Every structure is written in structure tokens, then in C-alpha cells.
Protein backbone atom coordinates (compact mmCIF):
# COMPACT_ATOMS: atom_id res chain seq x y z
CA MET A 1 13.98 -81.46 74.99
CA GLY A 2 12.36 -81.98 77.71
CA LEU A 3 8.86 -82.71 76.32
CA SER A 4 9.82 -85.53 74.50
CA ILE A 5 11.39 -87.10 77.40
CA MET A 6 8.15 -86.50 79.80
CA ILE A 7 6.45 -88.23 76.68
CA MET A 8 8.34 -90.84 76.13
CA GLY A 9 7.57 -91.56 79.99
CA LEU A 10 3.99 -91.26 79.36
CA ALA A 11 4.57 -93.91 76.85
CA ILE A 12 6.13 -96.09 79.27
CA PHE A 13 4.44 -96.02 82.25
CA ILE A 14 0.34 -95.48 80.65
CA GLY A 15 1.83 -98.36 78.36
CA VAL A 16 2.83 -100.51 81.12
CA HIS A 17 -0.73 -100.02 83.11
CA LEU A 18 -2.64 -100.08 79.91
CA VAL A 19 -0.93 -104.24 79.86
CA THR A 20 -3.62 -104.86 83.00
CA VAL A 21 -6.53 -103.67 80.82
CA MET A 22 -5.54 -106.21 78.25
CA ARG A 23 -6.11 -109.56 79.65
CA ALA A 24 -5.20 -111.81 77.37
CA TRP A 25 -1.97 -109.77 77.21
CA ARG A 26 -1.26 -110.18 80.40
CA ALA A 27 -1.88 -113.59 80.97
CA GLY A 28 0.60 -114.86 78.36
CA LEU A 29 3.17 -112.52 80.57
CA VAL A 30 2.56 -113.56 83.62
CA ALA A 31 2.67 -117.39 82.53
CA GLN A 32 5.85 -116.54 80.66
CA LEU A 33 7.50 -114.57 83.47
CA GLY A 34 5.82 -115.40 86.31
CA GLU A 35 3.64 -113.79 89.10
CA ASN A 36 6.45 -112.20 90.58
CA GLY A 37 8.53 -111.77 87.50
CA TYR A 38 5.61 -110.05 86.25
CA LYS A 39 5.22 -107.66 88.82
CA ILE A 40 9.07 -106.91 89.33
CA ALA A 41 8.61 -106.03 85.77
CA TYR A 42 6.00 -103.77 85.59
CA SER A 43 6.71 -101.88 88.83
CA LEU A 44 9.98 -101.29 87.18
CA LEU A 45 8.74 -100.00 83.81
CA SER A 46 6.46 -97.77 85.97
CA ALA A 47 9.35 -96.17 87.94
CA ILE A 48 11.67 -95.38 84.80
CA GLY A 49 8.30 -93.98 83.44
CA ILE A 50 7.81 -92.08 86.24
CA ALA A 51 11.09 -90.65 86.73
CA LEU A 52 11.37 -89.70 82.34
CA VAL A 53 7.93 -87.80 83.40
CA VAL A 54 9.32 -85.59 86.12
CA TYR A 55 12.38 -85.00 84.65
CA GLY A 56 11.35 -84.64 81.19
CA PHE A 57 8.92 -82.13 82.89
CA ALA A 58 11.66 -80.42 85.07
CA ARG A 59 12.98 -79.64 81.77
CA TYR A 60 10.13 -78.44 79.83
CA ARG A 61 9.11 -75.87 82.40
CA ALA A 62 13.42 -74.47 82.78
CA ASN A 63 13.79 -73.90 79.34
CA GLU A 64 10.48 -74.94 77.09
CA TRP A 65 7.49 -73.23 78.15
CA VAL A 66 4.62 -72.86 76.13
CA GLU A 67 1.62 -71.06 77.15
CA VAL A 68 -1.60 -72.57 75.47
CA TRP A 69 -3.96 -70.10 77.78
CA SER A 70 -3.82 -68.56 81.12
CA PRO A 71 -6.44 -69.75 83.49
CA PRO A 72 -8.01 -67.04 85.82
CA ASN A 73 -6.01 -67.19 89.48
CA TRP A 74 -9.48 -68.25 90.56
CA THR A 75 -8.90 -71.97 89.04
CA ARG A 76 -5.95 -72.44 91.67
CA HIS A 77 -7.93 -72.25 94.25
CA LEU A 78 -10.36 -74.69 93.09
CA ALA A 79 -7.54 -77.03 92.51
CA ALA A 80 -6.58 -76.88 95.64
CA LEU A 81 -9.68 -77.69 96.90
CA LEU A 82 -10.95 -80.43 94.24
CA VAL A 83 -7.17 -81.91 94.78
CA LEU A 84 -7.74 -82.50 98.86
CA PHE A 85 -11.02 -84.60 97.59
CA ALA A 86 -8.76 -86.15 95.61
CA MET A 87 -6.02 -87.47 98.41
CA ILE A 88 -8.96 -88.53 100.09
CA MET A 89 -10.33 -90.60 97.71
CA ALA A 90 -7.35 -91.82 97.27
CA VAL A 91 -6.49 -93.14 100.85
CA SER A 92 -9.96 -95.19 100.98
CA ALA A 93 -8.78 -97.16 98.26
CA TYR A 94 -7.18 -98.77 101.10
CA ALA A 95 -8.72 -97.83 104.30
CA ARG A 96 -12.06 -99.06 102.96
CA GLY A 97 -15.25 -97.68 103.55
CA HIS A 98 -18.69 -96.35 102.43
CA ILE A 99 -16.29 -93.53 100.63
CA TYR A 100 -14.82 -96.93 98.74
CA GLU A 101 -17.94 -98.47 98.71
CA ARG A 102 -20.15 -95.65 96.69
CA LEU A 103 -16.80 -94.51 94.33
CA LYS A 104 -16.32 -98.30 93.54
CA HIS A 105 -12.30 -97.63 92.32
CA PRO A 106 -11.55 -94.62 93.87
CA LEU A 107 -7.99 -94.84 92.90
CA LEU A 108 -9.07 -94.25 89.39
CA ALA A 109 -11.88 -91.54 90.97
CA ALA A 110 -8.92 -89.42 92.74
CA THR A 111 -6.40 -89.85 89.61
CA LYS A 112 -9.17 -88.42 87.54
CA LEU A 113 -10.10 -85.36 90.21
CA TRP A 114 -6.41 -84.92 90.15
CA ALA A 115 -6.01 -84.30 86.44
CA LEU A 116 -9.08 -82.45 86.42
CA ALA A 117 -7.67 -79.80 89.07
CA HIS A 118 -4.25 -79.44 87.42
CA LEU A 119 -5.73 -79.24 83.74
CA ILE A 120 -8.20 -76.53 84.95
CA ALA A 121 -5.02 -74.31 86.67
CA ASN A 122 -2.48 -74.88 83.98
CA GLY A 123 -2.87 -73.72 80.64
CA ASP A 124 0.42 -74.51 79.23
CA LEU A 125 1.00 -77.47 76.71
CA GLY A 126 3.45 -79.65 78.98
CA SER A 127 0.43 -79.78 81.79
CA ILE A 128 -2.24 -79.79 79.09
CA ILE A 129 -0.78 -83.39 77.68
CA LEU A 130 0.83 -84.59 80.91
CA PHE A 131 -2.30 -84.06 83.00
CA GLY A 132 -4.86 -85.07 79.92
CA SER A 133 -2.72 -87.76 78.99
CA PHE A 134 -3.25 -89.32 82.87
CA LEU A 135 -7.17 -88.23 82.66
CA GLY A 136 -7.50 -89.73 79.22
CA TRP A 137 -5.75 -93.40 80.93
CA ALA A 138 -8.16 -93.24 83.79
CA VAL A 139 -11.37 -92.80 81.78
CA TYR A 140 -10.54 -95.51 79.58
CA ASP A 141 -9.25 -98.39 82.28
CA ARG A 142 -12.80 -97.26 84.24
CA ILE A 143 -14.57 -97.89 81.48
CA THR A 144 -12.40 -101.53 80.36
CA LEU A 145 -13.21 -102.14 84.43
CA LYS A 146 -17.40 -102.30 83.69
CA ARG A 147 -17.11 -104.43 80.18
CA ARG A 148 -14.34 -106.70 82.35
CA SER A 149 -15.43 -110.11 82.65
CA ASP A 150 -12.94 -112.03 84.66
CA GLY A 151 -13.70 -111.41 88.53
CA GLY A 152 -10.01 -109.59 89.19
CA GLY A 153 -8.83 -110.52 92.71
CA PRO A 154 -10.14 -111.96 96.03
CA PRO A 155 -12.58 -110.22 96.93
CA ILE A 156 -11.55 -106.83 100.12
CA PRO A 157 -13.80 -106.71 103.54
CA VAL A 158 -15.09 -103.11 103.56
CA GLY A 159 -15.02 -101.49 107.06
CA GLY A 160 -17.88 -98.82 108.19
CA VAL A 161 -17.19 -95.22 109.14
CA SER A 162 -13.77 -95.92 110.98
CA ASN A 163 -12.42 -96.46 107.66
CA ASP A 164 -13.91 -93.50 106.31
CA LEU A 165 -12.90 -91.03 109.11
CA ILE A 166 -9.65 -92.97 108.66
CA ALA A 167 -9.52 -91.88 104.89
CA VAL A 168 -10.38 -88.42 105.72
CA ALA A 169 -7.55 -88.10 108.08
CA VAL A 170 -4.94 -89.84 106.45
CA GLY A 171 -5.72 -88.04 103.15
CA VAL A 172 -5.85 -84.49 104.43
CA VAL A 173 -2.53 -85.51 106.17
CA ALA A 174 -1.39 -86.04 102.93
CA TYR A 175 -2.61 -83.10 101.26
CA LEU A 176 -0.96 -80.93 103.85
CA ALA A 177 2.48 -82.55 103.30
CA LEU A 178 1.74 -82.68 99.32
CA ALA A 179 0.93 -79.01 99.49
CA PHE A 180 3.42 -77.70 101.91
CA ALA A 181 6.47 -80.06 101.28
CA PHE A 182 6.39 -81.81 97.78
CA HIS A 183 4.66 -79.69 95.80
CA PRO A 184 7.12 -76.43 96.34
CA VAL A 185 9.87 -77.97 96.82
CA VAL A 186 10.07 -80.89 94.31
CA ILE A 187 8.09 -79.28 91.65
CA GLY A 188 9.04 -75.92 92.45
CA VAL A 189 5.02 -74.36 92.35
CA PRO A 190 4.10 -73.58 95.75
CA VAL A 191 0.37 -74.18 96.41
CA ILE A 192 -0.36 -72.15 99.57
CA GLY A 193 -0.25 -68.53 99.60
CA VAL A 194 0.18 -68.08 96.13
């Protein structure tokens, strides 16, 4: 039951995000709902999807665990390192500097790295579906961005090295918060000291 709930949540969350790449359909929804109405619906459906993913994955972990393969212990250390880089990449989407310029789409790059890190460190069916879905979506979204003909929103100014330093500092702090507080308390899996 938990795996089914998680998959339903993934379908909602990723489905809503796929609307973004379907530009004509998105434009029709914006025309129908208005810009704010579209954003509210998008946010609500995304939140519902994430809530279902979290709830379903927790139930799956507690009651339905299916081991597909057993990753070696070193993959957990590699995953922890990769997630650190993913956090810095994610923050660089907002503190735009040279990291942002190099990656072009740092949130998608961060999502791909985060998902890949979790795939190599987890060999159970639920993790493979969860992180594989996020990795697949991020790869697909990046491909569609390369092919998109519309210009998107107005350009956002890019700073220099100071923004990169901010991205690294905030990324490290966010990583430590996730590793020491969020992951062991909410997910139930310690990251450091295992």
C-alpha cells in the first residue's frame, strides 16, 4: 500500500512539473486560470504530490521493504559527498555566479546528482522507483530546455565569485542541517556516523 501511495505521489508531482515543458498546454492553463491561479494550482498539486511521496515511502520502509541488491558500504560515503555538491549546486541557482553560469540549470543538475547519489547507495525497490523517477524527470526536463524555442522569463543578473562563495557557504550549512537533523529525524536514516 505504501509503495502505491508513493507512486501516486510521484505521478502527481512529476506530472505537474511536466506541464511546465508542455508549453502550449501550460499557456492554455495560464489563460484559463490566470498567472496567479496557475501558480497556486501548481504549488498545491506539487505539495500534495510530495506529501504522498513522503507518506507512502515511510509506509513502504516500515512495512513493505523489498531488497533488490545490497550496495557496498562505500557507496554511502560517496553518496554523502555527492549530495554535498548537489546542495551547493542547488543554492547556486539563487546565488548566481560562476557555478550558475557553468551549470546553466543548477537545480536540474542538483536534482540529477542527488537522485544518482541515492540510487547508488540504496538497493531497495522503493528507492529505485523514487530516485530513478526524479533522475528520469530531471534528464527529460534538461533535454526539453535545450529544445525550447521560447525565451523564458527575463534574464536574471549573474554575480561573480562572491555569489559562488555564498552558494558554497549556504550549501554546506543546508547540507549539515539535512545530514544531522532532517535525514535522521524525518527519514529515519542517519547520514553521518554510520
